[in-house]
Each structure stands twice: as structure tokens, then as C-alpha cells.
Amino acid sequence: MFKKTEVGEHLPDNGRVLITCKNGKVTALRNIYDDEHVASLKSLLELAEQAGCVVVQSGKTKI
């Protein structure tokens, strides 16, 4: 853990990073790779539907 003001010392020169904070301290840093995306579940479902997928809740399908 380290202070938020110290986060710059731990960041890569290039790229995206996911930062987790707790009680005003940085508790985790994770590099986000080029083949990864970060989104909420709602956003992911919206993107899937826009791509033509049908999103169905488990157990709600009738054949």
C-alpha cells in the first residue's frame, strides 16, 4: 500500500492501469493489456446486444 500522491512512481511509462484505493491509500495496480477492456456489466450487455447477440437470463429460455 502507498499514498495516492506516490502513485506516479509505480505507473508504467506507457499503457493503461486499473487502480484500486481503500481508505485513501492505493491498494492495487493492474496493467490493462491491449487485448483487454474494462467496462461495467451493463455496458458489456449493451455492446453484446448492439453486436446482434441476444442476452437471456439463465433459466428463462423456452425452446
PDB file of N, CA and C in Angstrom:
ATOM      1  N   MET A   1       0.836  -1.188   0.000  1.00  0.00           N
ATOM      2  CA  MET A   1       0.000   0.000   0.000  1.00  0.00           C
ATOM      3  C   MET A   1       0.877   1.246   0.000  1.00  0.00           C
ATOM      4  N   PHE A   2       0.388   2.258  -0.677  1.00  0.00           N
ATOM      5  CA  PHE A   2       1.103   3.523  -0.675  1.00  0.00           C
ATOM      6  C   PHE A   2       0.116   4.661  -0.860  1.00  0.00           C
ATOM      7  N   LYS A   3       0.564   5.878  -0.594  1.00  0.00           N
ATOM      8  CA  LYS A   3      -0.300   7.052  -0.686  1.00  0.00           C
ATOM      9  C   LYS A   3      -0.633   7.361  -2.140  1.00  0.00           C
ATOM     10  N   LYS A   4      -1.806   7.973  -2.352  1.00  0.00           N
ATOM     11  CA  LYS A   4      -2.222   8.340  -3.710  1.00  0.00           C
ATOM     12  C   LYS A   4      -1.214   9.290  -4.361  1.00  0.00           C
ATOM     13  N   THR A   5      -0.583  10.119  -3.568  1.00  0.00           N
ATOM     14  CA  THR A   5       0.382  11.072  -4.113  1.00  0.00           C
ATOM     15  C   THR A   5       1.644  10.378  -4.638  1.00  0.00           C
ATOM     16  N   GLU A   6       1.868   9.127  -4.247  1.00  0.00           N
ATOM     17  CA  GLU A   6       3.034   8.365  -4.675  1.00  0.00           C
ATOM     18  C   GLU A   6       2.748   7.473  -5.885  1.00  0.00           C
ATOM     19  N   VAL A   7       1.510   7.477  -6.386  1.00  0.00           N
ATOM     20  CA  VAL A   7       1.118   6.537  -7.437  1.00  0.00           C
ATOM     21  C   VAL A   7       1.949   6.697  -8.707  1.00  0.00           C
ATOM     22  N   GLY A   8       2.356   7.913  -9.035  1.00  0.00           N
ATOM     23  CA  GLY A   8       3.127   8.152 -10.245  1.00  0.00           C
ATOM     24  C   GLY A   8       4.428   7.378 -10.295  1.00  0.00           C
ATOM     25  N   GLU A   9       5.012   7.100  -9.150  1.00  0.00           N
ATOM     26  CA  GLU A   9       6.262   6.346  -9.086  1.00  0.00           C
ATOM     27  C   GLU A   9       6.079   4.892  -9.510  1.00  0.00           C
ATOM     28  N   HIS A  10       4.837   4.403  -9.483  1.00  0.00           N
ATOM     29  CA  HIS A  10       4.567   2.988  -9.737  1.00  0.00           C
ATOM     30  C   HIS A  10       3.883   2.734 -11.077  1.00  0.00           C
ATOM     31  N   LEU A  11       3.631   3.792 -11.841  1.00  0.00           N
ATOM     32  CA  LEU A  11       2.939   3.636 -13.116  1.00  0.00           C
ATOM     33  C   LEU A  11       3.924   3.348 -14.242  1.00  0.00           C
ATOM     34  N   PRO A  12       3.480   2.579 -15.243  1.00  0.00           N
ATOM     35  CA  PRO A  12       4.359   2.338 -16.404  1.00  0.00           C
ATOM     36  C   PRO A  12       4.482   3.601 -17.250  1.00  0.00           C
ATOM     37  N   ASP A  13       5.493   3.651 -18.083  1.00  0.00           N
ATOM     38  CA  ASP A  13       5.684   4.813 -18.965  1.00  0.00           C
ATOM     39  C   ASP A  13       4.602   4.896 -20.030  1.00  0.00           C
ATOM     40  N   ASN A  14       4.087   3.762 -20.455  1.00  0.00           N
ATOM     41  CA  ASN A  14       3.038   3.701 -21.467  1.00  0.00           C
ATOM     42  C   ASN A  14       2.004   2.663 -21.047  1.00  0.00           C
ATOM     43  N   GLY A  15       0.759   2.890 -21.449  1.00  0.00           N
ATOM     44  CA  GLY A  15      -0.268   1.886 -21.196  1.00  0.00           C
ATOM     45  C   GLY A  15      -1.353   2.381 -20.262  1.00  0.00           C
ATOM     46  N   ARG A  16      -2.293   1.459 -19.997  1.00  0.00           N
ATOM     47  CA  ARG A  16      -3.426   1.756 -19.132  1.00  0.00           C
ATOM     48  C   ARG A  16      -3.289   0.957 -17.845  1.00  0.00           C
ATOM     49  N   VAL A  17      -3.762   1.538 -16.742  1.00  0.00           N
ATOM     50  CA  VAL A  17      -3.641   0.909 -15.437  1.00  0.00           C
ATOM     51  C   VAL A  17      -4.958   1.040 -14.688  1.00  0.00           C
ATOM     52  N   LEU A  18      -5.385  -0.031 -14.050  1.00  0.00           N
ATOM     53  CA  LEU A  18      -6.550  -0.019 -13.173  1.00  0.00           C
ATOM     54  C   LEU A  18      -6.027   0.160 -11.751  1.00  0.00           C
ATOM     55  N   ILE A  19      -6.543   1.150 -11.040  1.00  0.00           N
ATOM     56  CA  ILE A  19      -6.065   1.472  -9.692  1.00  0.00           C
ATOM     57  C   ILE A  19      -7.182   1.197  -8.695  1.00  0.00           C
ATOM     58  N   THR A  20      -6.862   0.492  -7.618  1.00  0.00           N
ATOM     59  CA  THR A  20      -7.813   0.226  -6.549  1.00  0.00           C
ATOM     60  C   THR A  20      -7.365   0.981  -5.303  1.00  0.00           C
ATOM     61  N   CYS A  21      -8.296   1.739  -4.696  1.00  0.00           N
ATOM     62  CA  CYS A  21      -7.990   2.507  -3.486  1.00  0.00           C
ATOM     63  C   CYS A  21      -8.890   2.051  -2.345  1.00  0.00           C
ATOM     64  N   LYS A  22      -8.362   2.131  -1.143  1.00  0.00           N
ATOM     65  CA  LYS A  22      -9.145   1.840   0.055  1.00  0.00           C
ATOM     66  C   LYS A  22      -8.654   2.752   1.168  1.00  0.00           C
ATOM     67  N   ASN A  23      -9.585   3.450   1.781  1.00  0.00           N
ATOM     68  CA  ASN A  23      -9.259   4.363   2.881  1.00  0.00           C
ATOM     69  C   ASN A  23      -8.173   5.373   2.496  1.00  0.00           C
ATOM     70  N   GLY A  24      -8.256   5.886   1.264  1.00  0.00           N
ATOM     71  CA  GLY A  24      -7.318   6.913   0.834  1.00  0.00           C
ATOM     72  C   GLY A  24      -5.942   6.411   0.432  1.00  0.00           C
ATOM     73  N   LYS A  25      -5.748   5.103   0.398  1.00  0.00           N
ATOM     74  CA  LYS A  25      -4.464   4.519   0.012  1.00  0.00           C
ATOM     75  C   LYS A  25      -4.663   3.660  -1.228  1.00  0.00           C
ATOM     76  N   VAL A  26      -3.653   3.622  -2.081  1.00  0.00           N
ATOM     77  CA  VAL A  26      -3.688   2.748  -3.244  1.00  0.00           C
ATOM     78  C   VAL A  26      -3.346   1.343  -2.765  1.00  0.00           C
ATOM     79  N   THR A  27      -4.265   0.405  -3.000  1.00  0.00           N
ATOM     80  CA  THR A  27      -4.057  -0.973  -2.531  1.00  0.00           C
ATOM     81  C   THR A  27      -3.638  -1.916  -3.655  1.00  0.00           C
ATOM     82  N   ALA A  28      -3.906  -1.514  -4.924  1.00  0.00           N
ATOM     83  CA  ALA A  28      -3.533  -2.395  -6.034  1.00  0.00           C
ATOM     84  C   ALA A  28      -3.423  -1.604  -7.332  1.00  0.00           C
ATOM     85  N   LEU A  29      -2.508  -2.030  -8.171  1.00  0.00           N
ATOM     86  CA  LEU A  29      -2.359  -1.522  -9.534  1.00  0.00           C
ATOM     87  C   LEU A  29      -2.354  -2.728 -10.453  1.00  0.00           C
ATOM     88  N   ARG A  30      -3.066  -2.619 -11.575  1.00  0.00           N
ATOM     89  CA  ARG A  30      -3.072  -3.716 -12.540  1.00  0.00           C
ATOM     90  C   ARG A  30      -2.971  -3.145 -13.944  1.00  0.00           C
ATOM     91  N   ASN A  31      -1.981  -3.598 -14.705  1.00  0.00           N
ATOM     92  CA  ASN A  31      -1.852  -3.183 -16.099  1.00  0.00           C
ATOM     93  C   ASN A  31      -3.023  -3.741 -16.894  1.00  0.00           C
ATOM     94  N   ILE A  32      -3.601  -2.907 -17.764  1.00  0.00           N
ATOM     95  CA  ILE A  32      -4.643  -3.345 -18.677  1.00  0.00           C
ATOM     96  C   ILE A  32      -3.968  -3.522 -20.030  1.00  0.00           C
ATOM     97  N   TYR A  33      -3.975  -4.735 -20.538  1.00  0.00           N
ATOM     98  CA  TYR A  33      -3.267  -5.048 -21.769  1.00  0.00           C
ATOM     99  C   TYR A  33      -4.076  -4.633 -22.996  1.00  0.00           C
ATOM    100  N   ASP A  34      -3.415  -4.575 -24.147  1.00  0.00           N
ATOM    101  CA  ASP A  34      -4.045  -4.107 -25.381  1.00  0.00           C
ATOM    102  C   ASP A  34      -5.267  -4.936 -25.771  1.00  0.00           C
ATOM    103  N   ASP A  35      -5.285  -6.217 -25.410  1.00  0.00           N
ATOM    104  CA  ASP A  35      -6.406  -7.068 -25.781  1.00  0.00           C
ATOM    105  C   ASP A  35      -7.483  -7.141 -24.685  1.00  0.00           C
ATOM    106  N   GLU A  36      -7.417  -6.235 -23.707  1.00  0.00           N
ATOM    107  CA  GLU A  36      -8.388  -6.208 -22.617  1.00  0.00           C
ATOM    108  C   GLU A  36      -9.159  -4.888 -22.617  1.00  0.00           C
ATOM    109  N   HIS A  37     -10.384  -4.947 -22.117  1.00  0.00           N
ATOM    110  CA  HIS A  37     -11.224  -3.770 -21.960  1.00  0.00           C
ATOM    111  C   HIS A  37     -11.841  -3.809 -20.574  1.00  0.00           C
ATOM    112  N   VAL A  38     -12.070  -2.652 -19.991  1.00  0.00           N
ATOM    113  CA  VAL A  38     -12.703  -2.560 -18.683  1.00  0.00           C
ATOM    114  C   VAL A  38     -14.052  -1.886 -18.868  1.00  0.00           C
ATOM    115  N   ALA A  39     -15.118  -2.542 -18.388  1.00  0.00           N
ATOM    116  CA  ALA A  39     -16.465  -1.986 -18.536  1.00  0.00           C
ATOM    117  C   ALA A  39     -17.363  -2.558 -17.452  1.00  0.00           C
ATOM    118  N   SER A  40     -18.463  -1.875 -17.210  1.00  0.00           N
ATOM    119  CA  SER A  40     -19.459  -2.403 -16.295  1.00  0.00           C
ATOM    120  C   SER A  40     -20.209  -3.549 -16.977  1.00  0.00           C
ATOM    121  N   LEU A  41     -20.885  -4.357 -16.207  1.00  0.00           N
ATOM    122  CA  LEU A  41     -21.684  -5.440 -16.776  1.00  0.00           C
ATOM    123  C   LEU A  41     -22.772  -4.880 -17.684  1.00  0.00           C
ATOM    124  N   LYS A  42     -23.386  -3.788 -17.265  1.00  0.00           N
ATOM    125  CA  LYS A  42     -24.430  -3.159 -18.082  1.00  0.00           C
ATOM    126  C   LYS A  42     -23.873  -2.757 -19.447  1.00  0.00           C
ATOM    127  N   SER A  43     -22.703  -2.134 -19.466  1.00  0.00           N
ATOM    128  CA  SER A  43     -22.088  -1.722 -20.732  1.00  0.00           C
ATOM    129  C   SER A  43     -21.756  -2.929 -21.598  1.00  0.00           C
ATOM    130  N   LEU A  44     -21.255  -3.997 -20.994  1.00  0.00           N
ATOM    131  CA  LEU A  44     -20.922  -5.208 -21.735  1.00  0.00           C
ATOM    132  C   LEU A  44     -22.165  -5.801 -22.393  1.00  0.00           C
ATOM    133  N   LEU A  45     -23.273  -5.854 -21.647  1.00  0.00           N
ATOM    134  CA  LEU A  45     -24.518  -6.389 -22.199  1.00  0.00           C
ATOM    135  C   LEU A  45     -25.038  -5.511 -23.326  1.00  0.00           C
ATOM    136  N   GLU A  46     -24.942  -4.191 -23.183  1.00  0.00           N
ATOM    137  CA  GLU A  46     -25.370  -3.278 -24.245  1.00  0.00           C
ATOM    138  C   GLU A  46     -24.543  -3.482 -25.503  1.00  0.00           C
ATOM    139  N   LEU A  47     -23.227  -3.636 -25.359  1.00  0.00           N
ATOM    140  CA  LEU A  47     -22.364  -3.876 -26.514  1.00  0.00           C
ATOM    141  C   LEU A  47     -22.717  -5.200 -27.198  1.00  0.00           C
ATOM    142  N   ALA A  48     -22.985  -6.233 -26.410  1.00  0.00           N
ATOM    143  CA  ALA A  48     -23.351  -7.530 -26.972  1.00  0.00           C
ATOM    144  C   ALA A  48     -24.645  -7.416 -27.776  1.00  0.00           C
ATOM    145  N   GLU A  49     -25.621  -6.697 -27.229  1.00  0.00           N
ATOM    146  CA  GLU A  49     -26.893  -6.530 -27.935  1.00  0.00           C
ATOM    147  C   GLU A  49     -26.710  -5.717 -29.214  1.00  0.00           C
ATOM    148  N   GLN A  50     -25.887  -4.683 -29.183  1.00  0.00           N
ATOM    149  CA  GLN A  50     -25.620  -3.882 -30.375  1.00  0.00           C
ATOM    150  C   GLN A  50     -24.925  -4.713 -31.451  1.00  0.00           C
ATOM    151  N   ALA A  51     -24.189  -5.743 -31.023  1.00  0.00           N
ATOM    152  CA  ALA A  51     -23.495  -6.616 -31.966  1.00  0.00           C
ATOM    153  C   ALA A  51     -24.425  -7.716 -32.492  1.00  0.00           C
ATOM    154  N   GLY A  52     -25.689  -7.707 -32.061  1.00  0.00           N
ATOM    155  CA  GLY A  52     -26.651  -8.683 -32.556  1.00  0.00           C
ATOM    156  C   GLY A  52     -26.844  -9.894 -31.680  1.00  0.00           C
ATOM    157  N   CYS A  53     -26.212  -9.928 -30.520  1.00  0.00           N
ATOM    158  CA  CYS A  53     -26.391 -11.056 -29.603  1.00  0.00           C
ATOM    159  C   CYS A  53     -27.691 -10.880 -28.828  1.00  0.00           C
ATOM    160  N   VAL A  54     -28.264 -12.008 -28.437  1.00  0.00           N
ATOM    161  CA  VAL A  54     -29.455 -11.984 -27.608  1.00  0.00           C
ATOM    162  C   VAL A  54     -29.024 -12.400 -26.210  1.00  0.00           C
ATOM    163  N   VAL A  55     -29.219 -11.527 -25.246  1.00  0.00           N
ATOM    164  CA  VAL A  55     -28.816 -11.796 -23.872  1.00  0.00           C
ATOM    165  C   VAL A  55     -30.043 -12.270 -23.111  1.00  0.00           C
ATOM    166  N   VAL A  56     -29.977 -13.499 -22.574  1.00  0.00           N
ATOM    167  CA  VAL A  56     -31.111 -14.109 -21.886  1.00  0.00           C
ATOM    168  C   VAL A  56     -30.667 -14.541 -20.494  1.00  0.00           C
ATOM    169  N   GLN A  57     -31.484 -14.236 -19.511  1.00  0.00           N
ATOM    170  CA  GLN A  57     -31.176 -14.623 -18.141  1.00  0.00           C
ATOM    171  C   GLN A  57     -31.229 -16.147 -18.019  1.00  0.00           C
ATOM    172  N   SER A  58     -30.305 -16.723 -17.292  1.00  0.00           N
ATOM    173  CA  SER A  58     -30.230 -18.170 -17.114  1.00  0.00           C
ATOM    174  C   SER A  58     -31.552 -18.722 -16.582  1.00  0.00           C
ATOM    175  N   GLY A  59     -32.026 -19.798 -17.194  1.00  0.00           N
ATOM    176  CA  GLY A  59     -33.259 -20.431 -16.752  1.00  0.00           C
ATOM    177  C   GLY A  59     -34.517 -19.800 -17.320  1.00  0.00           C
ATOM    178  N   LYS A  60     -34.393 -18.755 -18.121  1.00  0.00           N
ATOM    179  CA  LYS A  60     -35.557 -18.038 -18.657  1.00  0.00           C
ATOM    180  C   LYS A  60     -35.841 -18.380 -20.120  1.00  0.00           C
ATOM    181  N   THR A  61     -35.073 -19.318 -20.694  1.00  0.00           N
ATOM    182  CA  THR A  61     -35.280 -19.649 -22.099  1.00  0.00           C
ATOM    183  C   THR A  61     -36.308 -20.762 -22.242  1.00  0.00           C
ATOM    184  N   LYS A  62     -37.134 -20.660 -23.271  1.00  0.00           N
ATOM    185  CA  LYS A  62     -38.107 -21.708 -23.594  1.00  0.00           C
ATOM    186  C   LYS A  62     -37.851 -22.144 -25.021  1.00  0.00           C
ATOM    187  N   ILE A  63     -37.730 -23.428 -25.209  1.00  0.00           N
ATOM    188  CA  ILE A  63     -37.475 -23.952 -26.560  1.00  0.00           C
ATOM    189  C   ILE A  63     -38.709 -24.675 -27.057  1.00  0.00           C
TER     190      ILE A  63
END
